[in-house]
Structures are given as C-alpha cells and as structure tokens.
C-alpha cells in the first residue's frame, strides 16, 4: 500500500486537515488507490486536503491526471486541495511541464 491518511493540525487553523501521503510512486499502478482515498475524503469534515508526494521518485502522466482529478473532485465538494512536493524532485518536473501550479494550489519544501 503506497497511500496513507492521517489527520493534520496546522497552527493558525481552527480545524484539522487531512494529509494523504503517497510514498514511492505516483503512476497508473497507484491511481485507483489514490482516487479511493480522495473519494473517501469527500465525506469528511476536513476543509483542506493535502496530498504529500515529497518522497515520490517515480511519476507518469496518470499521476498528473490523478492530481487534476483530485483537485476537481474536492473543488466540487468545497474543499481545498494542496499538492505538497519537494523542490528538485520528479514531481516538480511534472508540475513545471504540465503547469499544474497554475490551477492547483501547491506547497514546495526544500
């Protein structure tokens, strides 16, 4: 299982957020698992859903599509979606190539 979820508290926010962590890869092999996690979060009381892909070392176009799908589904449910990734990573390459950061909220760590 590549996907884990946990509640996350952030200083300055009154409510907890949901952290969905993807470890290793964001490819077609894990697309169903990620989509199921996003779908389950639609019924939650979390106002913000973070997708943590800091440790992802392999990503393909299916991963990009899942990020877009997650953003769209959560937007329809009035929940914020934030993609959290590492600078100089394979994910950053895809963000730059696909211009994901123009319509998906992102957070970058060094």
C-alpha atoms as a PDB file:
ATOM      1  CA  UNK A   1       0.000   0.000   0.000  1.00  0.00           C
ATOM      2  CA  UNK A   2       1.504   3.292  -1.128  1.00  0.00           C
ATOM      3  CA  UNK A   3      -1.169   5.619   0.268  1.00  0.00           C
ATOM      4  CA  UNK A   4      -1.699   6.505   3.926  1.00  0.00           C
ATOM      5  CA  UNK A   5      -4.002   9.080   5.502  1.00  0.00           C
ATOM      6  CA  UNK A   6      -3.870  10.933   8.793  1.00  0.00           C
ATOM      7  CA  UNK A   7      -5.348  13.944  10.481  1.00  0.00           C
ATOM      8  CA  UNK A   8      -3.101  17.007  10.499  1.00  0.00           C
ATOM      9  CA  UNK A   9      -3.276  20.068  12.715  1.00  0.00           C
ATOM     10  CA  UNK A  10      -1.760  23.322  11.473  1.00  0.00           C
ATOM     11  CA  UNK A  11      -1.002  26.321  13.645  1.00  0.00           C
ATOM     12  CA  UNK A  12      -3.468  29.092  12.975  1.00  0.00           C
ATOM     13  CA  UNK A  13      -6.251  26.850  11.653  1.00  0.00           C
ATOM     14  CA  UNK A  14      -9.209  26.085  13.896  1.00  0.00           C
ATOM     15  CA  UNK A  15      -9.948  22.714  12.310  1.00  0.00           C
ATOM     16  CA  UNK A  16      -7.756  19.777  11.398  1.00  0.00           C
ATOM     17  CA  UNK A  17      -6.806  18.971   7.819  1.00  0.00           C
ATOM     18  CA  UNK A  18      -6.367  15.616   6.121  1.00  0.00           C
ATOM     19  CA  UNK A  19      -2.939  14.519   4.952  1.00  0.00           C
ATOM     20  CA  UNK A  20      -2.864  11.898   2.208  1.00  0.00           C
ATOM     21  CA  UNK A  21       0.676  10.658   1.853  1.00  0.00           C
ATOM     22  CA  UNK A  22       1.929   8.896  -1.229  1.00  0.00           C
ATOM     23  CA  UNK A  23       5.288   7.217  -0.749  1.00  0.00           C
ATOM     24  CA  UNK A  24       7.282   5.906  -3.725  1.00  0.00           C
ATOM     25  CA  UNK A  25       5.362   6.415  -6.942  1.00  0.00           C
ATOM     26  CA  UNK A  26       2.539   8.365  -8.497  1.00  0.00           C
ATOM     27  CA  UNK A  27       1.835   6.237 -11.539  1.00  0.00           C
ATOM     28  CA  UNK A  28      -1.031   4.316 -13.087  1.00  0.00           C
ATOM     29  CA  UNK A  29      -0.251   1.471 -10.654  1.00  0.00           C
ATOM     30  CA  UNK A  30      -1.430   3.540  -7.669  1.00  0.00           C
ATOM     31  CA  UNK A  31      -4.079   5.638  -9.421  1.00  0.00           C
ATOM     32  CA  UNK A  32      -7.022   3.588  -8.116  1.00  0.00           C
ATOM     33  CA  UNK A  33      -5.698   3.668  -4.570  1.00  0.00           C
ATOM     34  CA  UNK A  34      -5.202   7.433  -4.663  1.00  0.00           C
ATOM     35  CA  UNK A  35      -8.617   8.017  -6.222  1.00  0.00           C
ATOM     36  CA  UNK A  36     -10.249   5.904  -3.495  1.00  0.00           C
ATOM     37  CA  UNK A  37      -8.515   7.964  -0.784  1.00  0.00           C
ATOM     38  CA  UNK A  38      -9.644  11.223  -2.375  1.00  0.00           C
ATOM     39  CA  UNK A  39     -13.168   9.885  -2.798  1.00  0.00           C
ATOM     40  CA  UNK A  40     -13.282   8.861   0.894  1.00  0.00           C
ATOM     41  CA  UNK A  41     -12.191  12.356   1.926  1.00  0.00           C
ATOM     42  CA  UNK A  42     -15.208  13.868   0.169  1.00  0.00           C
ATOM     43  CA  UNK A  43     -17.403  12.635   3.016  1.00  0.00           C
ATOM     44  CA  UNK A  44     -15.134  14.055   5.703  1.00  0.00           C
ATOM     45  CA  UNK A  45     -15.307  17.312   7.608  1.00  0.00           C
ATOM     46  CA  UNK A  46     -11.804  18.311   6.562  1.00  0.00           C
ATOM     47  CA  UNK A  47     -11.773  21.717   4.846  1.00  0.00           C
ATOM     48  CA  UNK A  48      -8.279  21.195   3.409  1.00  0.00           C
ATOM     49  CA  UNK A  49      -6.825  18.019   1.916  1.00  0.00           C
ATOM     50  CA  UNK A  50      -3.055  17.842   1.465  1.00  0.00           C
ATOM     51  CA  UNK A  51      -1.554  15.345  -0.954  1.00  0.00           C
ATOM     52  CA  UNK A  52       2.012  14.788   0.249  1.00  0.00           C
ATOM     53  CA  UNK A  53       4.192  13.498  -2.586  1.00  0.00           C
ATOM     54  CA  UNK A  54       7.539  14.686  -1.177  1.00  0.00           C
ATOM     55  CA  UNK A  55       9.014  11.181  -1.275  1.00  0.00           C
ATOM     56  CA  UNK A  56       7.748  10.173  -4.715  1.00  0.00           C
ATOM     57  CA  UNK A  57      10.595   9.139  -7.002  1.00  0.00           C
ATOM     58  CA  UNK A  58       8.550   7.934  -9.993  1.00  0.00           C
ATOM     59  CA  UNK A  59       5.647   9.730 -11.668  1.00  0.00           C
ATOM     60  CA  UNK A  60       3.899   9.492 -15.018  1.00  0.00           C
ATOM     61  CA  UNK A  61       1.048  11.167 -16.871  1.00  0.00           C
ATOM     62  CA  UNK A  62      -1.502   9.042 -14.996  1.00  0.00           C
ATOM     63  CA  UNK A  63      -0.226  10.639 -11.787  1.00  0.00           C
ATOM     64  CA  UNK A  64      -0.702  14.105 -13.232  1.00  0.00           C
ATOM     65  CA  UNK A  65      -4.233  13.141 -14.257  1.00  0.00           C
ATOM     66  CA  UNK A  66      -4.993  11.879 -10.738  1.00  0.00           C
ATOM     67  CA  UNK A  67      -3.843  15.191  -9.250  1.00  0.00           C
ATOM     68  CA  UNK A  68      -6.121  17.060 -11.659  1.00  0.00           C
ATOM     69  CA  UNK A  69      -8.998  14.700 -10.847  1.00  0.00           C
ATOM     70  CA  UNK A  70      -8.421  15.103  -7.093  1.00  0.00           C
ATOM     71  CA  UNK A  71      -8.392  18.890  -7.424  1.00  0.00           C
ATOM     72  CA  UNK A  72     -11.625  18.857  -9.422  1.00  0.00           C
ATOM     73  CA  UNK A  73     -13.472  16.430  -7.111  1.00  0.00           C
ATOM     74  CA  UNK A  74     -12.504  18.348  -3.973  1.00  0.00           C
ATOM     75  CA  UNK A  75     -13.322  21.683  -5.577  1.00  0.00           C
ATOM     76  CA  UNK A  76     -16.828  20.390  -6.307  1.00  0.00           C
ATOM     77  CA  UNK A  77     -17.141  19.471  -2.606  1.00  0.00           C
ATOM     78  CA  UNK A  78     -15.961  22.944  -1.491  1.00  0.00           C
ATOM     79  CA  UNK A  79     -12.744  21.531  -0.050  1.00  0.00           C
ATOM     80  CA  UNK A  80      -9.281  22.950  -0.717  1.00  0.00           C
ATOM     81  CA  UNK A  81      -6.694  20.691  -2.294  1.00  0.00           C
ATOM     82  CA  UNK A  82      -2.982  21.339  -1.790  1.00  0.00           C
ATOM     83  CA  UNK A  83      -0.225  19.402  -3.539  1.00  0.00           C
ATOM     84  CA  UNK A  84       2.859  19.182  -1.314  1.00  0.00           C
ATOM     85  CA  UNK A  85       6.099  18.244  -3.087  1.00  0.00           C
ATOM     86  CA  UNK A  86       9.865  18.570  -2.793  1.00  0.00           C
ATOM     87  CA  UNK A  87      11.996  21.042  -4.743  1.00  0.00           C
ATOM     88  CA  UNK A  88      14.176  19.442  -7.464  1.00  0.00           C
ATOM     89  CA  UNK A  89      12.055  16.277  -7.494  1.00  0.00           C
ATOM     90  CA  UNK A  90      10.453  14.297 -10.288  1.00  0.00           C
ATOM     91  CA  UNK A  91       7.118  15.786  -9.194  1.00  0.00           C
ATOM     92  CA  UNK A  92       8.458  19.318  -9.627  1.00  0.00           C
ATOM     93  CA  UNK A  93       9.443  18.387 -13.171  1.00  0.00           C
ATOM     94  CA  UNK A  94       5.874  17.295 -13.916  1.00  0.00           C
ATOM     95  CA  UNK A  95       4.424  20.402 -12.247  1.00  0.00           C
ATOM     96  CA  UNK A  96       6.586  22.592 -14.476  1.00  0.00           C
ATOM     97  CA  UNK A  97       5.905  20.548 -17.621  1.00  0.00           C
ATOM     98  CA  UNK A  98       2.141  20.417 -17.136  1.00  0.00           C
ATOM     99  CA  UNK A  99       1.746  23.859 -15.466  1.00  0.00           C
ATOM    100  CA  UNK A 100      -0.217  22.242 -12.635  1.00  0.00           C
ATOM    101  CA  UNK A 101       0.649  25.090 -10.316  1.00  0.00           C
ATOM    102  CA  UNK A 102      -1.461  27.464 -12.407  1.00  0.00           C
ATOM    103  CA  UNK A 103      -4.682  25.894 -11.217  1.00  0.00           C
ATOM    104  CA  UNK A 104      -3.745  23.542  -8.372  1.00  0.00           C
ATOM    105  CA  UNK A 105      -2.580  25.015  -5.084  1.00  0.00           C
ATOM    106  CA  UNK A 106       0.931  23.825  -4.276  1.00  0.00           C
ATOM    107  CA  UNK A 107       3.368  23.901  -1.380  1.00  0.00           C
ATOM    108  CA  UNK A 108       7.054  23.242  -2.007  1.00  0.00           C
ATOM    109  CA  UNK A 109       9.596  22.132   0.580  1.00  0.00           C
ATOM    110  CA  UNK A 110      13.350  22.210   0.161  1.00  0.00           C
END
